[in-house]
Amino acid sequence: MTLEALHKEWATDQELSFDQPDKILRGVPFLHSKWWNIYTIERQRFIAVKQEHDTLRRARFEWYLGRLDDAERIQRGWEHQPVRIVRQEVETYLSSDALLMPFAGKLETLEIKLKFLEDVIKNINGRGYLVSTYVNWLKFSQGS
C-alpha cells in the first residue's frame, strides 16, 4: 500500500463515536489485527529491500576497491573499475552511487510507513484508556 492509501484507510478507522463506547472497545481487536497484518507485510517488504540493498552495497564496495570477483562483475554487467579508489574514499562513492540511490528512497519510504503503522497500532492499543477516561468524565460531569 502507498503511504497515501494508508493515510486514507486510517482516516476512516480512526473515527470514534462515543455514543456507543462498547462498540469502540469491541472493535479494538479487529482494528489491531488489521493494522498489525499491514505492518508485518510492510516490515517484510522493508527487510527484503534492505537485504537487496546490503548485498548490492557490498558488491559495489568490492568493485570500487577493485577486488570484485570477475565472474560476479561480468554477471552483474559491470565494467572494470578504471581507477582504484582508496578505502577511505569508498564511502563517498557509495553514498552517491547511481545503482544504490534508488534503494535509499525505497528504504526511507518504507521506514516512514513503518513508523506510521507503529503509531497507528499504539493509538488503537490506547483506545481502552480513552473510553475509560471518557466514561469517568461523563460520571464526573453528571455528578456521580
C-alpha atoms as a PDB file:
ATOM      1  CA  MET A   1       0.000   0.000   0.000  1.00  0.00           C
ATOM      2  CA  THR A   2       1.137   3.510  -0.616  1.00  0.00           C
ATOM      3  CA  LEU A   3       1.543   5.919   2.254  1.00  0.00           C
ATOM      4  CA  GLU A   4      -1.389   7.954   0.936  1.00  0.00           C
ATOM      5  CA  ALA A   5      -3.599   4.835   0.868  1.00  0.00           C
ATOM      6  CA  LEU A   6      -2.598   4.051   4.448  1.00  0.00           C
ATOM      7  CA  HIS A   7      -3.498   7.593   5.490  1.00  0.00           C
ATOM      8  CA  LYS A   8      -6.923   7.343   3.836  1.00  0.00           C
ATOM      9  CA  GLU A   9      -7.575   3.958   5.428  1.00  0.00           C
ATOM     10  CA  TRP A  10      -6.594   5.252   8.853  1.00  0.00           C
ATOM     11  CA  ALA A  11      -8.783   8.334   8.389  1.00  0.00           C
ATOM     12  CA  THR A  12     -11.827   6.058   8.290  1.00  0.00           C
ATOM     13  CA  ASP A  13     -10.635   3.697  11.047  1.00  0.00           C
ATOM     14  CA  GLN A  14      -9.650   6.424  13.499  1.00  0.00           C
ATOM     15  CA  GLU A  15     -13.141   7.847  13.821  1.00  0.00           C
ATOM     16  CA  LEU A  16     -14.629   7.288  17.259  1.00  0.00           C
ATOM     17  CA  SER A  17     -18.296   7.538  18.175  1.00  0.00           C
ATOM     18  CA  PHE A  18     -18.634   7.951  21.912  1.00  0.00           C
ATOM     19  CA  ASP A  19     -22.383   7.322  21.635  1.00  0.00           C
ATOM     20  CA  GLN A  20     -21.549   3.610  21.936  1.00  0.00           C
ATOM     21  CA  PRO A  21     -18.302   3.157  23.900  1.00  0.00           C
ATOM     22  CA  ASP A  22     -18.797  -0.612  23.973  1.00  0.00           C
ATOM     23  CA  LYS A  23     -18.697  -0.657  20.167  1.00  0.00           C
ATOM     24  CA  ILE A  24     -15.333   1.105  20.257  1.00  0.00           C
ATOM     25  CA  LEU A  25     -13.975  -1.494  22.667  1.00  0.00           C
ATOM     26  CA  ARG A  26     -15.347  -4.415  20.631  1.00  0.00           C
ATOM     27  CA  GLY A  27     -13.688  -3.001  17.502  1.00  0.00           C
ATOM     28  CA  VAL A  28     -10.202  -2.788  19.027  1.00  0.00           C
ATOM     29  CA  PRO A  29      -9.189  -6.428  18.361  1.00  0.00           C
ATOM     30  CA  PHE A  30     -10.359  -6.214  14.748  1.00  0.00           C
ATOM     31  CA  LEU A  31      -8.506  -2.965  14.122  1.00  0.00           C
ATOM     32  CA  HIS A  32      -5.406  -4.239  15.897  1.00  0.00           C
ATOM     33  CA  SER A  33      -5.388  -7.366  13.744  1.00  0.00           C
ATOM     34  CA  LYS A  34      -5.989  -5.417  10.549  1.00  0.00           C
ATOM     35  CA  TRP A  35      -3.224  -2.892  11.155  1.00  0.00           C
ATOM     36  CA  TRP A  36      -0.801  -5.490  12.555  1.00  0.00           C
ATOM     37  CA  ASN A  37      -1.197  -7.501   9.336  1.00  0.00           C
ATOM     38  CA  ILE A  38      -0.448  -4.413   7.267  1.00  0.00           C
ATOM     39  CA  TYR A  39       2.561  -3.675   9.486  1.00  0.00           C
ATOM     40  CA  THR A  40       4.012  -7.176   9.102  1.00  0.00           C
ATOM     41  CA  ILE A  41       3.628  -7.071   5.314  1.00  0.00           C
ATOM     42  CA  GLU A  42       5.409  -3.712   5.147  1.00  0.00           C
ATOM     43  CA  ARG A  43       8.084  -4.941   7.580  1.00  0.00           C
ATOM     44  CA  GLN A  44       8.749  -7.973   5.364  1.00  0.00           C
ATOM     45  CA  ARG A  45       8.980  -5.667   2.351  1.00  0.00           C
ATOM     46  CA  PHE A  46      11.457  -3.452   4.242  1.00  0.00           C
ATOM     47  CA  ILE A  47      13.617  -6.462   5.169  1.00  0.00           C
ATOM     48  CA  ALA A  48      13.665  -7.716   1.563  1.00  0.00           C
ATOM     49  CA  VAL A  49      14.667  -4.307   0.169  1.00  0.00           C
ATOM     50  CA  LYS A  50      17.288  -3.873   2.910  1.00  0.00           C
ATOM     51  CA  GLN A  51      18.842  -7.265   2.156  1.00  0.00           C
ATOM     52  CA  GLU A  52      18.926  -6.497  -1.562  1.00  0.00           C
ATOM     53  CA  HIS A  53      20.486  -3.102  -0.821  1.00  0.00           C
ATOM     54  CA  ASP A  54      23.100  -4.559   1.514  1.00  0.00           C
ATOM     55  CA  THR A  55      24.076  -7.249  -0.997  1.00  0.00           C
ATOM     56  CA  LEU A  56      24.452  -4.704  -3.794  1.00  0.00           C
ATOM     57  CA  ARG A  57      26.295  -2.312  -1.489  1.00  0.00           C
ATOM     58  CA  ARG A  58      28.842  -4.991  -0.597  1.00  0.00           C
ATOM     59  CA  ALA A  59      29.377  -5.786  -4.285  1.00  0.00           C
ATOM     60  CA  ARG A  60      29.786  -2.108  -5.133  1.00  0.00           C
ATOM     61  CA  PHE A  61      32.210  -1.696  -2.221  1.00  0.00           C
ATOM     62  CA  GLU A  62      34.340  -4.530  -3.582  1.00  0.00           C
ATOM     63  CA  TRP A  63      34.023  -3.138  -7.111  1.00  0.00           C
ATOM     64  CA  TYR A  64      35.238   0.310  -6.073  1.00  0.00           C
ATOM     65  CA  LEU A  65      38.243  -1.253  -4.370  1.00  0.00           C
ATOM     66  CA  GLY A  66      38.965  -3.353  -7.458  1.00  0.00           C
ATOM     67  CA  ARG A  67      38.514  -6.591  -5.510  1.00  0.00           C
ATOM     68  CA  LEU A  68      35.254  -7.822  -7.027  1.00  0.00           C
ATOM     69  CA  ASP A  69      35.469 -11.301  -8.483  1.00  0.00           C
ATOM     70  CA  ASP A  70      35.500 -11.175 -12.303  1.00  0.00           C
ATOM     71  CA  ALA A  71      32.722 -13.753 -12.571  1.00  0.00           C
ATOM     72  CA  GLU A  72      30.411 -11.686 -10.366  1.00  0.00           C
ATOM     73  CA  ARG A  73      31.388  -8.455 -12.129  1.00  0.00           C
ATOM     74  CA  ILE A  74      30.578  -9.971 -15.534  1.00  0.00           C
ATOM     75  CA  GLN A  75      27.345 -11.482 -14.211  1.00  0.00           C
ATOM     76  CA  ARG A  76      26.250  -8.049 -12.989  1.00  0.00           C
ATOM     77  CA  GLY A  77      27.282  -6.442 -16.293  1.00  0.00           C
ATOM     78  CA  TRP A  78      29.770  -4.037 -14.746  1.00  0.00           C
ATOM     79  CA  GLU A  79      32.943  -2.836 -16.422  1.00  0.00           C
ATOM     80  CA  HIS A  80      36.338  -2.981 -14.747  1.00  0.00           C
ATOM     81  CA  GLN A  81      36.791  -0.279 -12.155  1.00  0.00           C
ATOM     82  CA  PRO A  82      39.012   2.160 -14.137  1.00  0.00           C
ATOM     83  CA  VAL A  83      40.606   3.798 -11.113  1.00  0.00           C
ATOM     84  CA  ARG A  84      41.440   2.082  -7.888  1.00  0.00           C
ATOM     85  CA  ILE A  85      39.947   4.021  -5.033  1.00  0.00           C
ATOM     86  CA  VAL A  86      41.449   4.275  -1.571  1.00  0.00           C
ATOM     87  CA  ARG A  87      39.382   2.544   1.130  1.00  0.00           C
ATOM     88  CA  GLN A  88      38.794   5.848   2.969  1.00  0.00           C
ATOM     89  CA  GLU A  89      37.137   7.324  -0.149  1.00  0.00           C
ATOM     90  CA  VAL A  90      34.816   4.396  -0.906  1.00  0.00           C
ATOM     91  CA  GLU A  91      32.036   5.666   1.376  1.00  0.00           C
ATOM     92  CA  THR A  92      31.906   8.919  -0.598  1.00  0.00           C
ATOM     93  CA  TYR A  93      31.430   6.991  -3.825  1.00  0.00           C
ATOM     94  CA  LEU A  94      28.871   4.611  -2.318  1.00  0.00           C
ATOM     95  CA  SER A  95      26.721   7.438  -0.960  1.00  0.00           C
ATOM     96  CA  SER A  96      26.299   8.827  -4.469  1.00  0.00           C
ATOM     97  CA  ASP A  97      26.314   5.544  -6.410  1.00  0.00           C
ATOM     98  CA  ALA A  98      23.651   5.532  -9.123  1.00  0.00           C
ATOM     99  CA  LEU A  99      22.814   1.867  -8.528  1.00  0.00           C
ATOM    100  CA  LEU A 100      22.352   2.353  -4.780  1.00  0.00           C
ATOM    101  CA  MET A 101      20.409   5.629  -4.831  1.00  0.00           C
ATOM    102  CA  PRO A 102      17.009   4.078  -5.685  1.00  0.00           C
ATOM    103  CA  PHE A 103      17.324   1.843  -2.626  1.00  0.00           C
ATOM    104  CA  ALA A 104      17.846   4.848  -0.374  1.00  0.00           C
ATOM    105  CA  GLY A 105      14.493   6.290  -1.444  1.00  0.00           C
ATOM    106  CA  LYS A 106      12.693   2.962  -1.073  1.00  0.00           C
ATOM    107  CA  LEU A 107      14.157   2.335   2.361  1.00  0.00           C
ATOM    108  CA  GLU A 108      13.287   5.843   3.544  1.00  0.00           C
ATOM    109  CA  THR A 109       9.696   5.470   2.332  1.00  0.00           C
ATOM    110  CA  LEU A 110       9.360   2.075   3.996  1.00  0.00           C
ATOM    111  CA  GLU A 111      10.767   3.434   7.261  1.00  0.00           C
ATOM    112  CA  ILE A 112       8.189   6.245   7.178  1.00  0.00           C
ATOM    113  CA  LYS A 113       5.416   3.688   6.570  1.00  0.00           C
ATOM    114  CA  LEU A 114       6.627   1.501   9.438  1.00  0.00           C
ATOM    115  CA  LYS A 115       6.759   4.468  11.825  1.00  0.00           C
ATOM    116  CA  PHE A 116       3.249   5.496  10.777  1.00  0.00           C
ATOM    117  CA  LEU A 117       1.938   1.953  11.278  1.00  0.00           C
ATOM    118  CA  GLU A 118       3.594   1.703  14.694  1.00  0.00           C
ATOM    119  CA  ASP A 119       1.865   4.934  15.708  1.00  0.00           C
ATOM    120  CA  VAL A 120      -1.484   3.656  14.409  1.00  0.00           C
ATOM    121  CA  ILE A 121      -1.131   0.460  16.452  1.00  0.00           C
ATOM    122  CA  LYS A 122      -0.215   2.475  19.560  1.00  0.00           C
ATOM    123  CA  ASN A 123      -3.309   4.600  19.013  1.00  0.00           C
ATOM    124  CA  ILE A 124      -5.511   1.519  18.690  1.00  0.00           C
ATOM    125  CA  ASN A 125      -3.982  -0.010  21.822  1.00  0.00           C
ATOM    126  CA  GLY A 126      -4.780   3.190  23.755  1.00  0.00           C
ATOM    127  CA  ARG A 127      -8.481   3.195  22.898  1.00  0.00           C
ATOM    128  CA  GLY A 128      -9.439   1.298  26.058  1.00  0.00           C
ATOM    129  CA  TYR A 129      -7.873   4.028  28.171  1.00  0.00           C
ATOM    130  CA  LEU A 130      -9.562   6.695  26.061  1.00  0.00           C
ATOM    131  CA  VAL A 131     -13.000   5.140  26.555  1.00  0.00           C
ATOM    132  CA  SER A 132     -12.354   4.711  30.294  1.00  0.00           C
ATOM    133  CA  THR A 133     -11.388   8.373  30.578  1.00  0.00           C
ATOM    134  CA  TYR A 134     -14.485   9.394  28.658  1.00  0.00           C
ATOM    135  CA  VAL A 135     -16.769   7.319  30.919  1.00  0.00           C
ATOM    136  CA  ASN A 136     -15.118   8.799  34.022  1.00  0.00           C
ATOM    137  CA  TRP A 137     -15.593  12.294  32.614  1.00  0.00           C
ATOM    138  CA  LEU A 138     -19.282  11.547  31.971  1.00  0.00           C
ATOM    139  CA  LYS A 139     -19.691  10.366  35.560  1.00  0.00           C
ATOM    140  CA  PHE A 140     -17.977  13.487  36.844  1.00  0.00           C
ATOM    141  CA  SER A 141     -19.965  15.850  34.630  1.00  0.00           C
ATOM    142  CA  GLN A 142     -23.252  14.259  35.741  1.00  0.00           C
ATOM    143  CA  GLY A 143     -22.324  14.461  39.403  1.00  0.00           C
ATOM    144  CA  SER A 144     -21.906  10.741  40.016  1.00  0.00           C
END
